């Protein structure tokens, strides 16, 4: 790759512009509910949600924030009034969930529910203890029809985590009311802040309305009452920092051990600069790029043992290590997947399962090849073979959408529906059933054929307007921020951070055992 070429410079500028846009949107989540509500929260002598997380984490350790753009493009605040991520507490990787009380009192809306459920899924798949930093008014009542019924899974997940010996810890800093009261109620360990935490199924107004009883906050659900009378609180904290200190102490006594193999301790950094990753992908995704240039900048020692390099050359496969963890890599080279690529991928995935090796999928695909020659050559059964292998593979999968991820190629490369442990996007990524021009063109052909079938003339001017409208719609809906807002990825990352993010994910994955599949489904010959 020529890093001094005009093309590289243009790609870099385009990527930096996208990163600026991304930073502006992520800032909306970081700033919470805005200056007014942040100031009101501080006047009450409370820490902000991100400050609580920072104090909870071991000093100088990273926090891998997940789904920071949840709710983007909706009527809800970016971030979904919830912060989720993976961080190290007393040397233990934990899934951390924190309500942001500066956004509608931390109330849960449909986006925050989806975000919380995705976080619970990550904790379950990767065997991570969970720490909830609780301060929430419960459900955002106007949206109850969208959150009440599916929201029950939040509490079910806490109980199944406990049964699976994945500890759950609740640090309660403020309100945890109504259904939210079950969050500490179903946690293994509960810490409440004196004179601050309030945990009750029904607050004083509801109790008055339902029973006629007069009661105050403290006697109904105050921290001291729960510590001395109900027994719901296991620890009574003097203040917020004391609650965090107690929480860290609980983690320290968990006697936690990882079940997966440890990384090699003597790995080397890549030979090539991660800064180069800004200039690899063109702003025009029709322009191909060599994924080996990406691989050389994210794997240990830039060492990649390519598998079947002369066969099915539109898909690059091979072995490497990343932060000392062995991985197998599947990366799209020229977009289209043919029968050869599908068969190559199937064999490679099977091999990874025989050696218990996690898989990394680097997306830049327009899908499986179409046309008479390819249909007759068996593209359907060969593509199905690859999807079968991906679906039934048991080793952990990681996916990064670098460029296009269209059609069934998104499925074959382990898209969201195929259960990757983590899936991240670059700002250059796009994903949809097909490209905007192709989709609009298909609709145009169908509409033209329908008009001819009815014996009616076809209005080319209307057709052109329809195609433009559809192209604009699909272009907007395939952009990474739109997809991230819908929780179709776990976050959009700076390409330069890819190695670090994947390393954090691999470390989290190895909290649980890493084992391959014992068998696969029927492969149609």
Protein backbone atom coordinates (compact mmCIF):
# COMPACT_ATOMS: atom_id res chain seq x y z
CA UNK A 1 0.00 0.00 0.00
CA UNK A 2 1.31 3.40 -1.00
CA UNK A 3 0.65 5.70 1.94
CA UNK A 4 1.99 8.66 -0.07
CA UNK A 5 -0.52 8.30 -2.91
CA UNK A 6 -3.32 10.83 -3.60
CA UNK A 7 -5.88 8.04 -3.20
CA UNK A 8 -4.62 7.22 0.29
CA UNK A 9 -4.72 10.90 1.26
CA UNK A 10 -8.29 11.27 -0.04
CA UNK A 11 -9.41 8.14 1.83
CA UNK A 12 -7.81 9.42 5.01
CA UNK A 13 -9.52 12.81 4.76
CA UNK A 14 -12.89 11.17 4.14
CA UNK A 15 -12.44 8.87 7.14
CA UNK A 16 -11.37 11.73 9.42
CA UNK A 17 -14.49 13.66 8.40
CA UNK A 18 -16.65 10.67 9.32
CA UNK A 19 -14.85 10.37 12.65
CA UNK A 20 -15.61 14.04 13.38
CA UNK A 21 -19.30 13.36 12.73
CA UNK A 22 -19.15 10.32 14.98
CA UNK A 23 -17.48 12.26 17.80
CA UNK A 24 -20.21 14.89 17.68
CA UNK A 25 -22.92 12.26 18.06
CA UNK A 26 -21.09 10.37 20.81
CA UNK A 27 -20.69 13.64 22.71
CA UNK A 28 -24.48 13.79 23.05
CA UNK A 29 -24.40 10.58 25.07
CA UNK A 30 -21.43 11.70 27.16
CA UNK A 31 -23.02 15.03 28.13
CA UNK A 32 -26.08 13.28 29.56
CA UNK A 33 -29.34 15.19 29.88
CA UNK A 34 -27.74 18.58 29.37
CA UNK A 35 -26.19 21.31 31.50
CA UNK A 36 -29.37 22.07 33.47
CA UNK A 37 -29.92 18.51 34.66
CA UNK A 38 -26.25 17.79 35.20
CA UNK A 39 -25.98 20.87 37.43
CA UNK A 40 -29.11 19.89 39.37
CA UNK A 41 -27.64 16.42 39.91
CA UNK A 42 -24.38 17.90 41.19
CA UNK A 43 -26.24 20.27 43.57
CA UNK A 44 -27.67 17.19 45.21
CA UNK A 45 -24.12 16.09 45.98
CA UNK A 46 -24.19 13.17 43.56
CA UNK A 47 -21.60 11.81 41.18
CA UNK A 48 -22.40 11.54 37.47
CA UNK A 49 -22.83 8.03 36.07
CA UNK A 50 -19.51 8.13 34.21
CA UNK A 51 -17.73 9.37 37.34
CA UNK A 52 -19.13 6.42 39.26
CA UNK A 53 -17.80 4.06 36.59
CA UNK A 54 -14.39 5.72 36.63
CA UNK A 55 -14.10 5.31 40.43
CA UNK A 56 -15.27 1.70 40.19
CA UNK A 57 -12.64 0.66 37.62
CA UNK A 58 -9.06 -0.22 38.45
CA UNK A 59 -6.80 2.82 37.87
CA UNK A 60 -5.43 3.23 34.34
CA UNK A 61 -7.51 0.41 32.88
CA UNK A 62 -9.71 0.84 29.78
CA UNK A 63 -13.49 0.84 29.63
CA UNK A 64 -14.91 -0.72 26.47
CA UNK A 65 -18.18 1.16 26.13
CA UNK A 66 -20.92 -0.72 24.27
CA UNK A 67 -23.76 0.67 22.14
CA UNK A 68 -22.97 4.35 22.87
CA UNK A 69 -25.21 5.51 20.00
CA UNK A 70 -28.28 3.52 21.08
CA UNK A 71 -31.45 5.48 20.24
CA UNK A 72 -29.69 7.56 17.55
CA UNK A 73 -32.28 8.65 15.02
CA UNK A 74 -35.18 8.13 17.44
CA UNK A 75 -36.98 10.57 19.69
CA UNK A 76 -34.99 9.39 22.68
CA UNK A 77 -31.72 10.78 23.99
CA UNK A 78 -28.63 9.34 22.29
CA UNK A 79 -27.25 6.62 24.54
CA UNK A 80 -30.66 5.54 25.78
CA UNK A 81 -30.22 6.96 29.34
CA UNK A 82 -27.96 3.98 30.03
CA UNK A 83 -24.20 3.34 29.94
CA UNK A 84 -22.97 -0.21 29.37
CA UNK A 85 -19.51 -1.62 28.88
CA UNK A 86 -16.75 -3.94 30.01
CA UNK A 87 -14.18 -2.82 32.55
CA UNK A 88 -11.70 -4.29 35.04
CA UNK A 89 -12.59 -4.18 38.74
CA UNK A 90 -10.07 -5.67 41.18
CA UNK A 91 -8.47 -7.50 38.27
CA UNK A 92 -11.79 -9.01 37.15
CA UNK A 93 -13.43 -8.15 33.82
CA UNK A 94 -17.02 -7.16 34.59
CA UNK A 95 -20.04 -6.09 32.58
CA UNK A 96 -20.99 -2.68 33.98
CA UNK A 97 -24.43 -1.10 33.58
CA UNK A 98 -25.10 2.42 34.86
CA UNK A 99 -28.32 4.43 34.69
CA UNK A 100 -27.83 8.07 33.73
CA UNK A 101 -30.16 9.94 36.11
CA UNK A 102 -29.61 13.25 34.27
CA UNK A 103 -31.70 11.87 31.37
CA UNK A 104 -35.32 11.72 32.52
CA UNK A 105 -34.23 10.48 35.93
CA UNK A 106 -32.63 7.43 34.36
CA UNK A 107 -36.03 6.13 33.25
CA UNK A 108 -36.00 3.18 30.87
CA UNK A 109 -37.32 3.63 27.31
CA UNK A 110 -37.43 1.09 24.45
CA UNK A 111 -33.87 1.88 23.36
CA UNK A 112 -32.40 1.61 26.84
CA UNK A 113 -34.24 -1.70 27.29
CA UNK A 114 -32.72 -3.11 24.09
CA UNK A 115 -29.31 -1.82 25.16
CA UNK A 116 -29.60 -3.39 28.60
CA UNK A 117 -30.74 -6.72 27.19
CA UNK A 118 -27.83 -6.75 24.73
CA UNK A 119 -25.44 -6.09 27.63
CA UNK A 120 -26.94 -9.00 29.55
CA UNK A 121 -26.50 -11.22 26.49
CA UNK A 122 -22.81 -10.26 26.30
CA UNK A 123 -22.36 -11.02 30.01
CA UNK A 124 -23.99 -14.43 29.59
CA UNK A 125 -22.09 -15.45 26.46
CA UNK A 126 -18.72 -14.41 27.85
CA UNK A 127 -19.23 -15.43 31.50
CA UNK A 128 -18.83 -11.96 33.00
CA UNK A 129 -19.91 -10.81 36.47
CA UNK A 130 -22.36 -7.90 36.26
CA UNK A 131 -22.30 -4.69 38.29
CA UNK A 132 -25.38 -2.45 38.10
CA UNK A 133 -24.99 1.17 39.20
CA UNK A 134 -28.62 1.91 39.95
CA UNK A 135 -30.46 5.21 39.97
CA UNK A 136 -33.61 5.09 37.90
CA UNK A 137 -37.21 6.17 38.12
CA UNK A 138 -38.23 2.91 36.44
CA UNK A 139 -40.10 2.79 33.17
CA UNK A 140 -40.68 5.84 30.99
CA UNK A 141 -44.44 5.41 31.42
CA UNK A 142 -45.61 6.85 28.07
CA UNK A 143 -43.64 4.05 26.38
CA UNK A 144 -44.84 1.26 28.68
CA UNK A 145 -46.50 -0.72 25.89
CA UNK A 146 -43.07 -1.22 24.31
CA UNK A 147 -41.10 -2.04 27.45
CA UNK A 148 -43.36 -3.68 30.03
CA UNK A 149 -43.68 -7.16 28.52
CA UNK A 150 -40.16 -7.58 27.02
CA UNK A 151 -38.67 -5.77 30.02
CA UNK A 152 -39.33 -8.78 32.23
CA UNK A 153 -36.29 -10.41 30.63
CA UNK A 154 -34.11 -7.93 32.54
CA UNK A 155 -34.98 -9.58 35.83
CA UNK A 156 -35.06 -13.09 34.43
CA UNK A 157 -31.49 -12.56 33.19
CA UNK A 158 -30.37 -11.65 36.71
CA UNK A 159 -31.74 -14.87 38.15
CA UNK A 160 -30.31 -17.08 35.39
CA UNK A 161 -26.93 -15.36 35.82
CA UNK A 162 -26.99 -16.22 39.52
CA UNK A 163 -27.88 -19.84 38.73
CA UNK A 164 -24.96 -19.97 36.27
CA UNK A 165 -22.59 -18.74 39.02
CA UNK A 166 -22.05 -15.39 37.28
CA UNK A 167 -22.26 -12.94 40.20
CA UNK A 168 -24.58 -9.94 40.00
CA UNK A 169 -23.96 -6.87 42.14
CA UNK A 170 -26.25 -3.84 42.58
CA UNK A 171 -24.90 -0.56 43.92
CA UNK A 172 -27.98 1.59 44.57
CA UNK A 173 -27.30 5.33 44.57
CA UNK A 174 -30.85 6.69 44.28
CA UNK A 175 -34.32 5.60 43.24
CA UNK A 176 -35.01 2.04 42.15
CA UNK A 177 -38.77 1.99 42.03
CA UNK A 178 -41.67 -0.14 40.84
CA UNK A 179 -40.39 -2.94 38.57
CA UNK A 180 -36.91 -1.49 39.04
CA UNK A 181 -37.03 -2.58 42.68
CA UNK A 182 -36.58 -6.14 41.48
CA UNK A 183 -33.14 -5.26 40.09
CA UNK A 184 -31.55 -5.17 43.57
CA UNK A 185 -34.09 -7.75 44.72
CA UNK A 186 -32.74 -10.29 42.22
CA UNK A 187 -29.05 -9.45 42.55
CA UNK A 188 -26.62 -11.59 44.53
CA UNK A 189 -25.13 -8.61 46.39
CA UNK A 190 -26.83 -5.30 47.20
CA UNK A 191 -25.20 -2.11 48.46
CA UNK A 192 -27.37 0.93 49.27
CA UNK A 193 -26.28 4.50 49.97
CA UNK A 194 -27.58 5.87 53.26
CA UNK A 195 -30.23 8.59 52.94
CA UNK A 196 -29.98 8.37 49.13
CA UNK A 197 -31.14 4.94 47.97
CA UNK A 198 -34.89 4.41 47.72
CA UNK A 199 -36.13 0.95 46.75
CA UNK A 200 -39.85 0.22 46.77
CA UNK A 201 -42.51 -1.38 44.59
CA UNK A 202 -44.78 1.59 45.17
CA UNK A 203 -43.80 5.06 46.36
CA UNK A 204 -45.81 7.11 48.86
CA UNK A 205 -48.28 8.49 46.26
CA UNK A 206 -49.06 5.03 44.86
CA UNK A 207 -49.40 3.50 48.34
CA UNK A 208 -51.76 6.33 49.34
CA UNK A 209 -53.86 5.80 46.22
CA UNK A 210 -53.89 1.98 46.45
CA UNK A 211 -54.31 1.43 50.19
CA UNK A 212 -54.98 4.81 51.81
CA UNK A 213 -51.85 4.38 53.94
CA UNK A 214 -49.70 7.38 54.73
CA UNK A 215 -45.97 6.57 54.47
CA UNK A 216 -42.70 8.38 53.84
CA UNK A 217 -39.84 7.41 51.53
CA UNK A 218 -37.54 6.14 54.29
CA UNK A 219 -40.05 3.86 56.01
CA UNK A 220 -41.21 2.50 52.66
CA UNK A 221 -37.89 1.89 50.97
CA UNK A 222 -35.00 3.80 52.51
CA UNK A 223 -31.52 2.30 52.60
CA UNK A 224 -31.37 2.12 56.40
CA UNK A 225 -34.75 0.40 56.59
CA UNK A 226 -33.66 -2.20 54.03
CA UNK A 227 -30.38 -2.75 55.89
CA UNK A 228 -31.98 -3.07 59.36
CA UNK A 229 -35.55 -4.28 58.77
CA UNK A 230 -36.28 -5.91 55.40
CA UNK A 231 -32.79 -7.33 54.86
CA UNK A 232 -32.79 -6.38 51.18
CA UNK A 233 -29.57 -4.36 51.59
CA UNK A 234 -26.49 -6.46 52.35
CA UNK A 235 -24.33 -3.38 52.92
CA UNK A 236 -25.20 0.16 54.02
CA UNK A 237 -22.81 2.70 52.50
CA UNK A 238 -22.12 6.07 54.09
CA UNK A 239 -21.96 7.81 50.73
CA UNK A 240 -21.41 7.13 47.02
CA UNK A 241 -17.66 6.64 47.20
CA UNK A 242 -18.14 4.27 50.13
CA UNK A 243 -20.64 2.26 48.06
CA UNK A 244 -18.07 1.98 45.27
CA UNK A 245 -15.41 0.93 47.79
CA UNK A 246 -17.72 -1.78 49.11
CA UNK A 247 -18.57 -2.89 45.57
CA UNK A 248 -14.89 -3.27 44.72
CA UNK A 249 -14.43 -5.29 47.89
CA UNK A 250 -17.23 -7.66 46.87
CA UNK A 251 -15.53 -8.29 43.52
CA UNK A 252 -12.19 -8.85 45.26
CA UNK A 253 -13.76 -11.68 47.29
CA UNK A 254 -15.42 -13.44 44.35
CA UNK A 255 -12.41 -15.73 43.87
CA UNK A 256 -12.95 -15.30 40.12
CA UNK A 257 -10.95 -17.36 37.64
CA UNK A 258 -11.02 -17.38 33.87
CA UNK A 259 -11.84 -20.71 32.25
CA UNK A 260 -10.35 -20.05 28.82
CA UNK A 261 -6.67 -20.46 27.89
CA UNK A 262 -4.33 -17.57 28.72
CA UNK A 263 -2.74 -15.50 25.95
CA UNK A 264 0.88 -15.97 24.96
CA UNK A 265 2.85 -13.50 27.09
CA UNK A 266 5.57 -12.69 24.55
CA UNK A 267 3.55 -11.40 21.58
CA UNK A 268 4.83 -8.51 19.48
CA UNK A 269 3.09 -5.41 18.20
CA UNK A 270 2.35 -5.11 14.45
CA UNK A 271 5.17 -3.89 12.20
CA UNK A 272 2.85 -1.40 10.48
CA UNK A 273 1.34 1.77 11.89
CA UNK A 274 -2.33 1.69 12.91
CA UNK A 275 -2.58 5.25 11.63
CA UNK A 276 -2.49 3.79 8.11
CA UNK A 277 -5.91 2.22 8.69
CA UNK A 278 -7.48 5.64 8.07
CA UNK A 279 -6.46 5.57 4.40
CA UNK A 280 -7.29 2.03 3.33
CA UNK A 281 -11.05 2.18 2.69
CA UNK A 282 -12.29 4.48 -0.07
CA UNK A 283 -15.25 6.76 0.44
CA UNK A 284 -16.68 4.95 -2.58
CA UNK A 285 -17.23 1.37 -1.44
CA UNK A 286 -17.22 0.20 -5.05
CA UNK A 287 -13.44 0.69 -4.95
CA UNK A 288 -11.90 -2.56 -3.64
CA UNK A 289 -9.09 -2.76 -1.10
CA UNK A 290 -6.82 -5.56 0.07
CA UNK A 291 -7.85 -6.72 3.58
CA UNK A 292 -4.33 -8.03 4.14
CA UNK A 293 -3.34 -4.38 4.63
CA UNK A 294 -5.80 -4.25 7.54
CA UNK A 295 -4.68 -7.60 8.94
CA UNK A 296 -1.02 -6.50 8.88
CA UNK A 297 -1.92 -3.58 11.16
CA UNK A 298 -3.99 -5.43 13.76
CA UNK A 299 -2.37 -8.86 14.31
CA UNK A 300 0.69 -9.68 16.40
CA UNK A 301 4.02 -9.19 14.62
CA UNK A 302 1.99 -8.57 11.41
CA UNK A 303 2.26 -12.33 10.93
CA UNK A 304 -0.53 -13.99 8.92
CA UNK A 305 -0.44 -17.60 7.73
CA UNK A 306 -2.81 -17.54 4.78
CA UNK A 307 -4.91 -20.62 4.10
CA UNK A 308 -5.72 -21.62 0.49
CA UNK A 309 -4.29 -18.35 -0.95
CA UNK A 310 -4.72 -19.46 -4.60
CA UNK A 311 -8.30 -20.73 -4.29
CA UNK A 312 -11.42 -18.61 -3.85
CA UNK A 313 -9.33 -15.46 -3.91
CA UNK A 314 -12.24 -13.09 -3.18
CA UNK A 315 -12.09 -14.34 0.40
CA UNK A 316 -8.87 -14.20 2.42
CA UNK A 317 -8.57 -16.81 5.19
CA UNK A 318 -5.72 -17.59 7.53
CA UNK A 319 -4.29 -17.87 11.02
CA UNK A 320 -2.78 -15.21 13.28
CA UNK A 321 -2.69 -14.10 16.90
CA UNK A 322 -3.98 -10.90 18.45
CA UNK A 323 -2.70 -9.70 21.83
CA UNK A 324 -1.41 -13.24 22.31
CA UNK A 325 -4.72 -14.97 21.53
CA UNK A 326 -4.82 -17.30 18.50
CA UNK A 327 -7.46 -16.40 15.91
CA UNK A 328 -8.65 -17.45 12.49
CA UNK A 329 -9.53 -14.63 10.08
CA UNK A 330 -12.01 -14.49 7.19
CA UNK A 331 -11.81 -11.23 5.23
CA UNK A 332 -13.54 -10.18 2.01
CA UNK A 333 -11.05 -9.20 -0.69
CA UNK A 334 -13.15 -8.19 -3.72
CA UNK A 335 -16.66 -8.02 -2.37
CA UNK A 336 -18.46 -10.85 -4.15
CA UNK A 337 -18.60 -14.37 -2.73
CA UNK A 338 -18.53 -17.19 -5.32
CA UNK A 339 -18.92 -20.95 -4.84
CA UNK A 340 -15.16 -21.37 -4.33
CA UNK A 341 -15.09 -18.78 -1.55
CA UNK A 342 -18.08 -20.41 0.15
CA UNK A 343 -16.46 -23.86 0.13
CA UNK A 344 -13.15 -22.43 1.30
CA UNK A 345 -14.86 -20.61 4.19
CA UNK A 346 -16.75 -23.75 5.20
CA UNK A 347 -13.58 -25.81 5.43
CA UNK A 348 -11.74 -23.06 7.30
CA UNK A 349 -14.54 -22.67 9.87
CA UNK A 350 -14.52 -26.43 10.45
CA UNK A 351 -10.76 -26.37 10.97
CA UNK A 352 -11.06 -23.55 13.51
CA UNK A 353 -13.60 -25.62 15.44
CA UNK A 354 -11.29 -28.63 15.53
CA UNK A 355 -8.56 -26.50 17.13
CA UNK A 356 -10.84 -24.40 19.40
CA UNK A 357 -9.71 -21.20 17.68
CA UNK A 358 -11.90 -18.03 17.78
CA UNK A 359 -12.82 -16.50 14.42
CA UNK A 360 -12.65 -12.90 13.24
CA UNK A 361 -14.81 -11.84 10.27
CA UNK A 362 -13.74 -8.64 8.43
CA UNK A 363 -16.65 -7.53 6.24
CA UNK A 364 -16.54 -5.91 2.83
CA UNK A 365 -18.99 -7.91 0.76
CA UNK A 366 -21.76 -7.18 -1.71
CA UNK A 367 -23.13 -10.70 -1.23
CA UNK A 368 -23.14 -13.99 -3.12
CA UNK A 369 -22.77 -13.93 -6.90
CA UNK A 370 -25.93 -14.10 -9.02
CA UNK A 371 -26.50 -15.05 -12.65
CA UNK A 372 -27.38 -18.14 -14.69
CA UNK A 373 -23.85 -19.55 -14.71
CA UNK A 374 -23.52 -19.25 -10.94
CA UNK A 375 -27.01 -20.54 -10.17
CA UNK A 376 -26.35 -23.59 -12.32
CA UNK A 377 -22.96 -23.97 -10.62
CA UNK A 378 -24.66 -24.31 -7.22
CA UNK A 379 -24.17 -20.89 -5.61
CA UNK A 380 -27.26 -21.41 -3.44
CA UNK A 381 -26.12 -24.70 -1.95
CA UNK A 382 -22.53 -23.49 -1.57
CA UNK A 383 -23.63 -20.24 0.08
CA UNK A 384 -25.95 -22.29 2.31
CA UNK A 385 -22.98 -24.49 3.19
CA UNK A 386 -21.02 -21.45 4.41
CA UNK A 387 -24.01 -20.12 6.38
CA UNK A 388 -24.52 -23.59 7.88
CA UNK A 389 -20.90 -23.61 9.04
CA UNK A 390 -21.18 -20.12 10.55
CA UNK A 391 -24.48 -20.97 12.26
CA UNK A 392 -23.24 -24.19 13.86
CA UNK A 393 -19.70 -23.12 14.70
CA UNK A 394 -19.23 -23.05 18.48
CA UNK A 395 -15.96 -21.13 18.78
CA UNK A 396 -16.39 -17.44 19.63
CA UNK A 397 -16.92 -15.15 16.64
CA UNK A 398 -15.97 -11.47 16.29
CA UNK A 399 -17.18 -9.31 13.40
CA UNK A 400 -15.97 -5.94 12.12
CA UNK A 401 -17.83 -4.19 9.32
CA UNK A 402 -15.15 -2.25 7.44
CA UNK A 403 -16.96 -1.52 4.17
CA UNK A 404 -20.05 -3.00 2.55
CA UNK A 405 -21.99 -5.80 4.21
CA UNK A 406 -24.89 -6.50 1.89
CA UNK A 407 -27.36 -9.31 1.30
CA UNK A 408 -26.75 -12.90 2.33
CA UNK A 409 -23.03 -12.08 2.39
CA UNK A 410 -23.77 -10.28 5.68
CA UNK A 411 -25.17 -13.56 7.00
CA UNK A 412 -22.32 -15.74 5.70
CA UNK A 413 -19.79 -13.37 7.29
CA UNK A 414 -21.47 -13.71 10.69
CA UNK A 415 -23.73 -10.66 10.82
CA UNK A 416 -25.74 -9.70 13.89
CA UNK A 417 -28.36 -12.46 13.50
CA UNK A 418 -25.64 -15.13 13.56
CA UNK A 419 -24.56 -14.46 17.11
CA UNK A 420 -21.06 -12.97 17.03
CA UNK A 421 -19.87 -12.37 20.57
CA UNK A 422 -19.14 -8.77 19.52
CA UNK A 423 -19.82 -6.84 16.31
CA UNK A 424 -18.33 -3.42 15.60
CA UNK A 425 -18.46 -1.09 12.60
CA UNK A 426 -16.02 1.35 11.09
CA UNK A 427 -17.46 4.76 10.11
CA UNK A 428 -17.07 3.66 6.47
CA UNK A 429 -19.40 0.65 6.84
CA UNK A 430 -22.78 0.21 5.18
CA UNK A 431 -25.23 -2.67 5.52
CA UNK A 432 -28.53 -3.45 3.81
CA UNK A 433 -30.26 -6.09 1.73
CA UNK A 434 -28.39 -4.66 -1.27
CA UNK A 435 -26.84 -1.39 -2.44
CA UNK A 436 -29.16 1.62 -2.87
CA UNK A 437 -28.82 1.78 -6.67
CA UNK A 438 -29.38 -1.96 -7.05
CA UNK A 439 -32.43 -1.95 -4.80
CA UNK A 440 -33.99 1.04 -6.55
CA UNK A 441 -33.22 -0.56 -9.91
CA UNK A 442 -34.93 -3.81 -8.95
CA UNK A 443 -38.05 -1.93 -7.84
CA UNK A 444 -38.02 -0.01 -11.12
CA UNK A 445 -37.78 -3.19 -13.22
CA UNK A 446 -40.62 -4.82 -11.28
CA UNK A 447 -42.84 -1.74 -11.59
CA UNK A 448 -42.13 -1.43 -15.32
CA UNK A 449 -42.95 -5.11 -15.89
CA UNK A 450 -46.19 -4.76 -13.90
CA UNK A 451 -47.26 -1.77 -16.03
CA UNK A 452 -46.51 -3.65 -19.23
CA UNK A 453 -48.47 -6.63 -17.93
CA UNK A 454 -51.49 -4.38 -17.45
CA UNK A 455 -51.01 -2.86 -20.89
CA UNK A 456 -50.35 0.57 -19.41
CA UNK A 457 -47.62 3.03 -20.37
CA UNK A 458 -44.83 3.47 -17.87
CA UNK A 459 -44.07 7.00 -16.64
CA UNK A 460 -40.29 7.42 -16.83
CA UNK A 461 -40.41 10.73 -14.96
CA UNK A 462 -42.23 9.12 -12.03
CA UNK A 463 -39.80 6.21 -12.20
CA UNK A 464 -36.80 8.53 -11.92
CA UNK A 465 -38.33 10.29 -8.91
CA UNK A 466 -39.10 6.94 -7.27
CA UNK A 467 -35.58 5.69 -7.80
CA UNK A 468 -34.07 8.83 -6.32
CA UNK A 469 -36.34 8.65 -3.28
CA UNK A 470 -35.61 4.95 -2.70
CA UNK A 471 -31.86 5.43 -3.15
CA UNK A 472 -31.84 8.23 -0.59
CA UNK A 473 -33.89 6.18 1.87
CA UNK A 474 -31.72 3.06 1.58
CA UNK A 475 -28.53 5.12 1.71
CA UNK A 476 -29.69 6.71 4.98
CA UNK A 477 -30.84 3.40 6.47
CA UNK A 478 -27.60 1.60 5.61
CA UNK A 479 -25.34 4.14 7.34
CA UNK A 480 -23.48 2.98 10.46
CA UNK A 481 -24.99 5.54 12.86
CA UNK A 482 -28.52 4.50 11.86
CA UNK A 483 -27.67 0.82 12.35
CA UNK A 484 -25.85 1.49 15.62
CA UNK A 485 -28.86 3.43 16.88
CA UNK A 486 -30.94 0.31 16.31
CA UNK A 487 -28.43 -1.84 18.25
CA UNK A 488 -27.42 -3.74 15.10
CA UNK A 489 -23.79 -3.39 16.19
CA UNK A 490 -22.04 -2.94 19.53
CA UNK A 491 -20.55 0.38 18.54
CA UNK A 492 -18.77 2.32 15.79
CA UNK A 493 -15.04 2.39 16.37
CA UNK A 494 -12.12 4.41 15.07
CA UNK A 495 -10.22 2.07 12.69
CA UNK A 496 -7.03 2.90 14.61
CA UNK A 497 -8.58 1.36 17.75
CA UNK A 498 -9.46 -1.94 16.06
CA UNK A 499 -6.57 -3.94 17.53
CA UNK A 500 -7.21 -2.64 21.04
CA UNK A 501 -10.97 -3.21 20.87
CA UNK A 502 -10.55 -6.75 19.54
CA UNK A 503 -7.94 -7.48 22.21
CA UNK A 504 -10.32 -6.36 24.96
CA UNK A 505 -13.06 -8.53 23.45
CA UNK A 506 -10.82 -11.59 23.21
CA UNK A 507 -9.76 -11.14 26.82
CA UNK A 508 -13.41 -10.93 27.90
CA UNK A 509 -14.33 -13.97 25.80
CA UNK A 510 -11.70 -16.07 27.58
CA UNK A 511 -13.51 -15.70 30.90
CA UNK A 512 -15.43 -18.72 29.66
CA UNK A 513 -14.25 -21.92 27.99
CA UNK A 514 -13.38 -21.80 24.27
CA UNK A 515 -14.49 -24.98 22.54
CA UNK A 516 -15.35 -25.87 18.97
CA UNK A 517 -18.40 -27.67 17.62
CA UNK A 518 -18.66 -31.45 17.85
CA UNK A 519 -20.58 -31.58 14.57
CA UNK A 520 -22.38 -29.54 11.92
CA UNK A 521 -25.67 -29.85 10.07
CA UNK A 522 -26.13 -31.55 6.72
CA UNK A 523 -23.90 -30.04 4.01
CA UNK A 524 -25.67 -30.38 0.67
CA UNK A 525 -23.10 -31.80 -1.82
